[in-house]
Every structure is written in structure tokens, then in C-alpha cells.
Amino acid sequence: MRAQNELSPYFAEIDQRTTRALKGIREVRRSAKFKALPKEPKGVMIGTGFLVFLAAFIGLFLD
């Protein structure tokens, strides 16, 4: 039991530091201003082009 009592101040300090860190994270999250980014039409075109290319590539091996 003596060993546990020797470590308890360290665990108390870890607990306090963790509490302060979590409080800081909550504060940052609360103050953050999020803005939705507009959708990029290029992203849709690239995705569609990739799917067409993939379908054509797979078609080469199916014949």
C-alpha cells in the first residue's frame, strides 16, 4: 500500500493537467467559427472521369 500512496500525488497532478487540457479544448471548439466550403465542380468531374476510366480498364479484361 505504501507504493500506491507514493504515487498518488503524481496521479493527482496528471488528473489536474488532463482536466485543464480538456477545458482548453472545449473552449477552442466553442470559439471556432466553421464555414462550409462550396462544392467544387472539378471534384465531381474528376470522380466521374475516374469511374469511366476504371470501367473501361475493367472492360479490357472481361473480353
N, C-alpha and C. Protein backbone atom coordinates (compact mmCIF):
# COMPACT_ATOMS: atom_id res chain seq x y z
N MET A 1 0.81 -1.20 0.00
CA MET A 1 0.00 0.00 0.00
C MET A 1 0.85 1.26 0.00
N ARG A 2 2.03 1.17 0.56
CA ARG A 2 2.88 2.35 0.64
C ARG A 2 3.25 2.85 -0.75
N ALA A 3 3.47 1.91 -1.68
CA ALA A 3 3.83 2.30 -3.04
C ALA A 3 2.70 3.07 -3.71
N GLN A 4 1.47 2.67 -3.45
CA GLN A 4 0.33 3.39 -4.02
C GLN A 4 0.24 4.80 -3.46
N ASN A 5 0.51 4.95 -2.18
CA ASN A 5 0.45 6.28 -1.57
C ASN A 5 1.55 7.18 -2.10
N GLU A 6 2.68 6.61 -2.48
CA GLU A 6 3.77 7.42 -3.02
C GLU A 6 3.42 7.96 -4.40
N LEU A 7 2.63 7.22 -5.14
CA LEU A 7 2.30 7.63 -6.49
C LEU A 7 1.06 8.52 -6.58
N SER A 8 0.28 8.60 -5.55
CA SER A 8 -0.97 9.36 -5.62
C SER A 8 -0.77 10.84 -5.95
N PRO A 9 0.27 11.54 -5.48
CA PRO A 9 0.45 12.93 -5.91
C PRO A 9 0.68 13.04 -7.42
N TYR A 10 1.37 12.07 -7.98
CA TYR A 10 1.60 12.10 -9.42
C TYR A 10 0.29 11.91 -10.19
N PHE A 11 -0.53 10.97 -9.72
CA PHE A 11 -1.81 10.76 -10.38
C PHE A 11 -2.72 11.96 -10.23
N ALA A 12 -2.67 12.62 -9.09
CA ALA A 12 -3.47 13.83 -8.88
C ALA A 12 -3.03 14.93 -9.84
N GLU A 13 -1.73 15.07 -10.03
CA GLU A 13 -1.23 16.08 -10.96
C GLU A 13 -1.62 15.76 -12.39
N ILE A 14 -1.53 14.48 -12.76
CA ILE A 14 -1.95 14.07 -14.11
C ILE A 14 -3.42 14.38 -14.32
N ASP A 15 -4.24 14.11 -13.31
CA ASP A 15 -5.67 14.38 -13.39
C ASP A 15 -5.93 15.87 -13.57
N GLN A 16 -5.23 16.71 -12.82
CA GLN A 16 -5.41 18.16 -12.94
C GLN A 16 -5.00 18.66 -14.31
N ARG A 17 -3.87 18.18 -14.81
CA ARG A 17 -3.41 18.61 -16.12
C ARG A 17 -4.36 18.16 -17.23
N THR A 18 -4.88 16.95 -17.09
CA THR A 18 -5.84 16.44 -18.08
C THR A 18 -7.11 17.29 -18.07
N THR A 19 -7.57 17.62 -16.89
CA THR A 19 -8.78 18.45 -16.76
C THR A 19 -8.56 19.81 -17.40
N ARG A 20 -7.41 20.41 -17.16
CA ARG A 20 -7.11 21.72 -17.77
C ARG A 20 -7.01 21.63 -19.28
N ALA A 21 -6.39 20.55 -19.78
CA ALA A 21 -6.25 20.39 -21.23
C ALA A 21 -7.61 20.20 -21.89
N LEU A 22 -8.46 19.39 -21.28
CA LEU A 22 -9.80 19.18 -21.84
C LEU A 22 -10.63 20.45 -21.80
N LYS A 23 -10.46 21.23 -20.75
CA LYS A 23 -11.18 22.51 -20.65
C LYS A 23 -10.72 23.45 -21.78
N GLY A 24 -9.42 23.46 -22.05
CA GLY A 24 -8.90 24.28 -23.14
C GLY A 24 -9.41 23.83 -24.49
N ILE A 25 -9.49 22.52 -24.69
CA ILE A 25 -10.00 22.01 -25.96
C ILE A 25 -11.47 22.39 -26.14
N ARG A 26 -12.25 22.27 -25.07
CA ARG A 26 -13.67 22.65 -25.15
C ARG A 26 -13.81 24.13 -25.48
N GLU A 27 -12.95 24.95 -24.89
CA GLU A 27 -13.01 26.39 -25.14
C GLU A 27 -12.67 26.71 -26.59
N VAL A 28 -11.67 26.04 -27.14
CA VAL A 28 -11.30 26.26 -28.54
C VAL A 28 -12.43 25.82 -29.46
N ARG A 29 -13.02 24.69 -29.17
CA ARG A 29 -14.13 24.20 -30.00
C ARG A 29 -15.31 25.15 -29.94
N ARG A 30 -15.58 25.68 -28.78
CA ARG A 30 -16.71 26.59 -28.61
C ARG A 30 -16.49 27.89 -29.39
N SER A 31 -15.25 28.35 -29.45
CA SER A 31 -14.97 29.65 -30.08
C SER A 31 -14.68 29.53 -31.57
N ALA A 32 -14.58 28.31 -32.09
CA ALA A 32 -14.24 28.13 -33.51
C ALA A 32 -15.43 28.52 -34.39
N LYS A 33 -15.13 29.17 -35.47
CA LYS A 33 -16.15 29.56 -36.45
C LYS A 33 -15.96 28.71 -37.69
N PHE A 34 -16.95 27.86 -37.94
CA PHE A 34 -16.86 26.97 -39.09
C PHE A 34 -17.67 27.54 -40.24
N LYS A 35 -17.11 27.47 -41.42
CA LYS A 35 -17.81 27.89 -42.63
C LYS A 35 -17.77 26.72 -43.60
N ALA A 36 -18.91 26.44 -44.19
CA ALA A 36 -18.98 25.36 -45.16
C ALA A 36 -18.32 25.82 -46.45
N LEU A 37 -17.46 25.00 -46.98
CA LEU A 37 -16.81 25.33 -48.23
C LEU A 37 -17.74 25.00 -49.39
N PRO A 38 -17.72 25.81 -50.45
CA PRO A 38 -18.57 25.48 -51.60
C PRO A 38 -18.06 24.23 -52.30
N LYS A 39 -19.00 23.50 -52.89
CA LYS A 39 -18.61 22.30 -53.61
C LYS A 39 -17.84 22.68 -54.86
N GLU A 40 -16.84 21.90 -55.15
CA GLU A 40 -16.04 22.15 -56.34
C GLU A 40 -16.54 21.28 -57.49
N PRO A 41 -16.88 21.90 -58.60
CA PRO A 41 -17.37 21.11 -59.73
C PRO A 41 -16.26 20.23 -60.33
N LYS A 42 -15.01 20.65 -60.16
CA LYS A 42 -13.90 19.85 -60.68
C LYS A 42 -13.82 18.50 -59.99
N GLY A 43 -14.11 18.46 -58.70
CA GLY A 43 -14.06 17.22 -57.95
C GLY A 43 -15.05 16.19 -58.48
N VAL A 44 -16.23 16.65 -58.84
CA VAL A 44 -17.25 15.75 -59.38
C VAL A 44 -16.80 15.23 -60.73
N MET A 45 -16.24 16.09 -61.54
CA MET A 45 -15.79 15.69 -62.87
C MET A 45 -14.62 14.70 -62.78
N ILE A 46 -13.72 14.92 -61.87
CA ILE A 46 -12.58 14.01 -61.70
C ILE A 46 -13.08 12.64 -61.24
N GLY A 47 -14.01 12.62 -60.29
CA GLY A 47 -14.56 11.37 -59.81
C GLY A 47 -15.29 10.61 -60.91
N THR A 48 -16.07 11.32 -61.70
CA THR A 48 -16.79 10.69 -62.81
C THR A 48 -15.81 10.17 -63.85
N GLY A 49 -14.80 10.96 -64.16
CA GLY A 49 -13.79 10.53 -65.13
C GLY A 49 -13.05 9.29 -64.65
N PHE A 50 -12.75 9.25 -63.38
CA PHE A 50 -12.06 8.08 -62.82
C PHE A 50 -12.92 6.84 -62.95
N LEU A 51 -14.21 6.96 -62.66
CA LEU A 51 -15.10 5.81 -62.77
C LEU A 51 -15.23 5.32 -64.21
N VAL A 52 -15.30 6.25 -65.18
CA VAL A 52 -15.36 5.87 -66.59
C VAL A 52 -14.07 5.16 -66.99
N PHE A 53 -12.94 5.69 -66.57
CA PHE A 53 -11.65 5.07 -66.88
C PHE A 53 -11.57 3.68 -66.27
N LEU A 54 -12.00 3.55 -65.03
CA LEU A 54 -11.96 2.25 -64.35
C LEU A 54 -12.87 1.25 -65.06
N ALA A 55 -14.05 1.68 -65.48
CA ALA A 55 -14.96 0.78 -66.19
C ALA A 55 -14.35 0.35 -67.52
N ALA A 56 -13.70 1.28 -68.22
CA ALA A 56 -13.07 0.93 -69.50
C ALA A 56 -11.90 -0.03 -69.29
N PHE A 57 -11.14 0.19 -68.24
CA PHE A 57 -10.00 -0.68 -67.95
C PHE A 57 -10.45 -2.09 -67.59
N ILE A 58 -11.49 -2.18 -66.79
CA ILE A 58 -12.04 -3.50 -66.45
C ILE A 58 -12.62 -4.16 -67.68
N GLY A 59 -13.23 -3.37 -68.55
CA GLY A 59 -13.80 -3.91 -69.80
C GLY A 59 -12.74 -4.56 -70.69
N LEU A 60 -11.52 -4.11 -70.62
CA LEU A 60 -10.44 -4.70 -71.42
C LEU A 60 -10.18 -6.15 -71.00
N PHE A 61 -10.31 -6.41 -69.71
CA PHE A 61 -10.02 -7.76 -69.21
C PHE A 61 -11.21 -8.69 -69.28
N LEU A 62 -12.41 -8.16 -69.42
CA LEU A 62 -13.59 -9.01 -69.48
C LEU A 62 -13.78 -9.64 -70.85
N ASP A 63 -13.27 -9.00 -71.88
CA ASP A 63 -13.45 -9.55 -73.24
C ASP A 63 -12.52 -10.66 -73.55
